[in-house]
Amino acid sequence: MSNEFEKDTQSKRNDFIDAAVAFVVSFVFFAAIFSVAVVIDLIGSL
């Protein structure tokens, strides 16, 4: 007996694409926070 949810999936996209996009978005977000912190540190050391 197969799973009834596997017959009618809402999204046919590959999960790897969603995972890669989420990884890139989170990486860019944390890189932006780090960059802002570096700029504030440089301004504070002047």
PDB file of N, CA and C in Angstrom:
ATOM      1  N   MET A   1       0.847  -1.200   0.000  1.00  0.00           N
ATOM      2  CA  MET A   1       0.000   0.000   0.000  1.00  0.00           C
ATOM      3  C   MET A   1       0.884   1.253   0.000  1.00  0.00           C
ATOM      4  N   SER A   2       0.657   2.112  -0.962  1.00  0.00           N
ATOM      5  CA  SER A   2       1.486   3.302  -1.071  1.00  0.00           C
ATOM      6  C   SER A   2       0.867   4.468  -0.294  1.00  0.00           C
ATOM      7  N   ASN A   3       1.695   5.443  -0.063  1.00  0.00           N
ATOM      8  CA  ASN A   3       1.259   6.613   0.689  1.00  0.00           C
ATOM      9  C   ASN A   3       0.347   7.471  -0.198  1.00  0.00           C
ATOM     10  N   GLU A   4      -0.816   7.845   0.324  1.00  0.00           N
ATOM     11  CA  GLU A   4      -1.763   8.622  -0.482  1.00  0.00           C
ATOM     12  C   GLU A   4      -1.232  10.021  -0.793  1.00  0.00           C
ATOM     13  N   PHE A   5      -0.338  10.564   0.052  1.00  0.00           N
ATOM     14  CA  PHE A   5       0.191  11.904  -0.186  1.00  0.00           C
ATOM     15  C   PHE A   5       1.221  11.907  -1.303  1.00  0.00           C
ATOM     16  N   GLU A   6       1.844  10.760  -1.582  1.00  0.00           N
ATOM     17  CA  GLU A   6       2.827  10.697  -2.651  1.00  0.00           C
ATOM     18  C   GLU A   6       2.170  10.737  -4.020  1.00  0.00           C
ATOM     19  N   LYS A   7       0.905  10.384  -4.105  1.00  0.00           N
ATOM     20  CA  LYS A   7       0.213  10.370  -5.395  1.00  0.00           C
ATOM     21  C   LYS A   7      -0.128  11.774  -5.873  1.00  0.00           C
ATOM     22  N   ASP A   8      -0.437  12.663  -4.939  1.00  0.00           N
ATOM     23  CA  ASP A   8      -0.868  14.024  -5.295  1.00  0.00           C
ATOM     24  C   ASP A   8      -0.007  15.024  -4.528  1.00  0.00           C
ATOM     25  N   THR A   9       1.216  15.232  -5.004  1.00  0.00           N
ATOM     26  CA  THR A   9       2.100  16.172  -4.329  1.00  0.00           C
ATOM     27  C   THR A   9       1.802  17.590  -4.792  1.00  0.00           C
ATOM     28  N   GLN A  10       1.987  18.539  -3.882  1.00  0.00           N
ATOM     29  CA  GLN A  10       1.721  19.936  -4.229  1.00  0.00           C
ATOM     30  C   GLN A  10       2.835  20.511  -5.093  1.00  0.00           C
ATOM     31  N   SER A  11       4.069  20.119  -4.803  1.00  0.00           N
ATOM     32  CA  SER A  11       5.210  20.661  -5.525  1.00  0.00           C
ATOM     33  C   SER A  11       6.003  19.530  -6.150  1.00  0.00           C
ATOM     34  N   LYS A  12       6.263  19.648  -7.462  1.00  0.00           N
ATOM     35  CA  LYS A  12       7.033  18.623  -8.171  1.00  0.00           C
ATOM     36  C   LYS A  12       8.510  19.004  -8.276  1.00  0.00           C
ATOM     37  N   ARG A  13       8.911  20.132  -7.662  1.00  0.00           N
ATOM     38  CA  ARG A  13      10.284  20.591  -7.790  1.00  0.00           C
ATOM     39  C   ARG A  13      11.240  19.702  -7.003  1.00  0.00           C
ATOM     40  N   ASN A  14      12.498  19.780  -7.388  1.00  0.00           N
ATOM     41  CA  ASN A  14      13.528  19.023  -6.701  1.00  0.00           C
ATOM     42  C   ASN A  14      13.819  19.673  -5.349  1.00  0.00           C
ATOM     43  N   ASP A  15      13.913  18.860  -4.297  1.00  0.00           N
ATOM     44  CA  ASP A  15      14.194  19.394  -2.962  1.00  0.00           C
ATOM     45  C   ASP A  15      15.594  19.985  -2.869  1.00  0.00           C
ATOM     46  N   PHE A  16      16.524  19.462  -3.671  1.00  0.00           N
ATOM     47  CA  PHE A  16      17.896  19.971  -3.616  1.00  0.00           C
ATOM     48  C   PHE A  16      17.951  21.440  -4.013  1.00  0.00           C
ATOM     49  N   ILE A  17      17.128  21.842  -4.981  1.00  0.00           N
ATOM     50  CA  ILE A  17      17.117  23.241  -5.424  1.00  0.00           C
ATOM     51  C   ILE A  17      16.649  24.138  -4.274  1.00  0.00           C
ATOM     52  N   ASP A  18      15.598  23.732  -3.583  1.00  0.00           N
ATOM     53  CA  ASP A  18      15.100  24.518  -2.452  1.00  0.00           C
ATOM     54  C   ASP A  18      16.140  24.593  -1.339  1.00  0.00           C
ATOM     55  N   ALA A  19      16.813  23.482  -1.081  1.00  0.00           N
ATOM     56  CA  ALA A  19      17.832  23.467  -0.035  1.00  0.00           C
ATOM     57  C   ALA A  19      19.012  24.360  -0.409  1.00  0.00           C
ATOM     58  N   ALA A  20      19.412  24.328  -1.676  1.00  0.00           N
ATOM     59  CA  ALA A  20      20.532  25.163  -2.121  1.00  0.00           C
ATOM     60  C   ALA A  20      20.178  26.645  -2.037  1.00  0.00           C
ATOM     61  N   VAL A  21      18.963  26.990  -2.428  1.00  0.00           N
ATOM     62  CA  VAL A  21      18.530  28.389  -2.344  1.00  0.00           C
ATOM     63  C   VAL A  21      18.494  28.853  -0.886  1.00  0.00           C
ATOM     64  N   ALA A  22      17.997  28.022  -0.011  1.00  0.00           N
ATOM     65  CA  ALA A  22      17.947  28.377   1.413  1.00  0.00           C
ATOM     66  C   ALA A  22      19.348  28.549   1.978  1.00  0.00           C
ATOM     67  N   PHE A  23      20.275  27.677   1.560  1.00  0.00           N
ATOM     68  CA  PHE A  23      21.652  27.803   2.037  1.00  0.00           C
ATOM     69  C   PHE A  23      22.276  29.111   1.562  1.00  0.00           C
ATOM     70  N   VAL A  24      22.088  29.443   0.288  1.00  0.00           N
ATOM     71  CA  VAL A  24      22.676  30.659  -0.263  1.00  0.00           C
ATOM     72  C   VAL A  24      22.083  31.895   0.402  1.00  0.00           C
ATOM     73  N   VAL A  25      20.771  31.894   0.589  1.00  0.00           N
ATOM     74  CA  VAL A  25      20.113  33.047   1.211  1.00  0.00           C
ATOM     75  C   VAL A  25      20.612  33.238   2.640  1.00  0.00           C
ATOM     76  N   SER A  26      20.711  32.151   3.410  1.00  0.00           N
ATOM     77  CA  SER A  26      21.185  32.277   4.786  1.00  0.00           C
ATOM     78  C   SER A  26      22.653  32.694   4.811  1.00  0.00           C
ATOM     79  N   PHE A  27      23.454  32.183   3.867  1.00  0.00           N
ATOM     80  CA  PHE A  27      24.866  32.579   3.809  1.00  0.00           C
ATOM     81  C   PHE A  27      25.002  34.071   3.523  1.00  0.00           C
ATOM     82  N   VAL A  28      24.226  34.576   2.561  1.00  0.00           N
ATOM     83  CA  VAL A  28      24.276  36.000   2.221  1.00  0.00           C
ATOM     84  C   VAL A  28      23.818  36.849   3.399  1.00  0.00           C
ATOM     85  N   PHE A  29      22.791  36.376   4.112  1.00  0.00           N
ATOM     86  CA  PHE A  29      22.286  37.115   5.265  1.00  0.00           C
ATOM     87  C   PHE A  29      23.362  37.258   6.340  1.00  0.00           C
ATOM     88  N   PHE A  30      24.024  36.133   6.692  1.00  0.00           N
ATOM     89  CA  PHE A  30      25.053  36.195   7.727  1.00  0.00           C
ATOM     90  C   PHE A  30      26.289  36.938   7.237  1.00  0.00           C
ATOM     91  N   ALA A  31      26.603  36.850   5.942  1.00  0.00           N
ATOM     92  CA  ALA A  31      27.724  37.611   5.395  1.00  0.00           C
ATOM     93  C   ALA A  31      27.437  39.108   5.477  1.00  0.00           C
ATOM     94  N   ALA A  32      26.182  39.502   5.258  1.00  0.00           N
ATOM     95  CA  ALA A  32      25.822  40.918   5.361  1.00  0.00           C
ATOM     96  C   ALA A  32      25.947  41.402   6.801  1.00  0.00           C
ATOM     97  N   ILE A  33      25.501  40.591   7.758  1.00  0.00           N
ATOM     98  CA  ILE A  33      25.641  40.969   9.174  1.00  0.00           C
ATOM     99  C   ILE A  33      27.121  41.119   9.525  1.00  0.00           C
ATOM    100  N   PHE A  34      27.948  40.159   9.071  1.00  0.00           N
ATOM    101  CA  PHE A  34      29.384  40.226   9.336  1.00  0.00           C
ATOM    102  C   PHE A  34      29.996  41.483   8.718  1.00  0.00           C
ATOM    103  N   SER A  35      29.599  41.808   7.485  1.00  0.00           N
ATOM    104  CA  SER A  35      30.141  42.981   6.811  1.00  0.00           C
ATOM    105  C   SER A  35      29.772  44.262   7.543  1.00  0.00           C
ATOM    106  N   VAL A  36      28.543  44.352   8.004  1.00  0.00           N
ATOM    107  CA  VAL A  36      28.122  45.530   8.761  1.00  0.00           C
ATOM    108  C   VAL A  36      28.921  45.644  10.049  1.00  0.00           C
ATOM    109  N   ALA A  37      29.154  44.517  10.715  1.00  0.00           N
ATOM    110  CA  ALA A  37      29.935  44.531  11.949  1.00  0.00           C
ATOM    111  C   ALA A  37      31.377  44.969  11.679  1.00  0.00           C
ATOM    112  N   VAL A  38      31.968  44.528  10.583  1.00  0.00           N
ATOM    113  CA  VAL A  38      33.329  44.925  10.238  1.00  0.00           C
ATOM    114  C   VAL A  38      33.399  46.424   9.956  1.00  0.00           C
ATOM    115  N   VAL A  39      32.411  46.933   9.229  1.00  0.00           N
ATOM    116  CA  VAL A  39      32.396  48.369   8.928  1.00  0.00           C
ATOM    117  C   VAL A  39      32.246  49.187  10.217  1.00  0.00           C
ATOM    118  N   ILE A  40      31.361  48.742  11.102  1.00  0.00           N
ATOM    119  CA  ILE A  40      31.191  49.470  12.375  1.00  0.00           C
ATOM    120  C   ILE A  40      32.471  49.417  13.190  1.00  0.00           C
ATOM    121  N   ASP A  41      33.170  48.262  13.172  1.00  0.00           N
ATOM    122  CA  ASP A  41      34.420  48.129  13.892  1.00  0.00           C
ATOM    123  C   ASP A  41      35.485  49.054  13.311  1.00  0.00           C
ATOM    124  N   LEU A  42      35.535  49.149  11.985  1.00  0.00           N
ATOM    125  CA  LEU A  42      36.519  50.026  11.362  1.00  0.00           C
ATOM    126  C   LEU A  42      36.222  51.489  11.667  1.00  0.00           C
ATOM    127  N   ILE A  43      34.946  51.870  11.646  1.00  0.00           N
ATOM    128  CA  ILE A  43      34.570  53.244  11.956  1.00  0.00           C
ATOM    129  C   ILE A  43      34.899  53.560  13.420  1.00  0.00           C
ATOM    130  N   GLY A  44      34.662  52.582  14.293  1.00  0.00           N
ATOM    131  CA  GLY A  44      34.945  52.804  15.714  1.00  0.00           C
ATOM    132  C   GLY A  44      36.415  52.900  16.032  1.00  0.00           C
ATOM    133  N   SER A  45      37.277  52.353  15.196  1.00  0.00           N
ATOM    134  CA  SER A  45      38.717  52.376  15.489  1.00  0.00           C
ATOM    135  C   SER A  45      39.387  53.630  14.948  1.00  0.00           C
ATOM    136  N   LEU A  46      38.646  54.490  14.270  1.00  0.00           N
ATOM    137  CA  LEU A  46      39.238  55.716  13.725  1.00  0.00           C
ATOM    138  C   LEU A  46      39.461  56.755  14.802  1.00  0.00           C
TER     139      LEU A  46
END
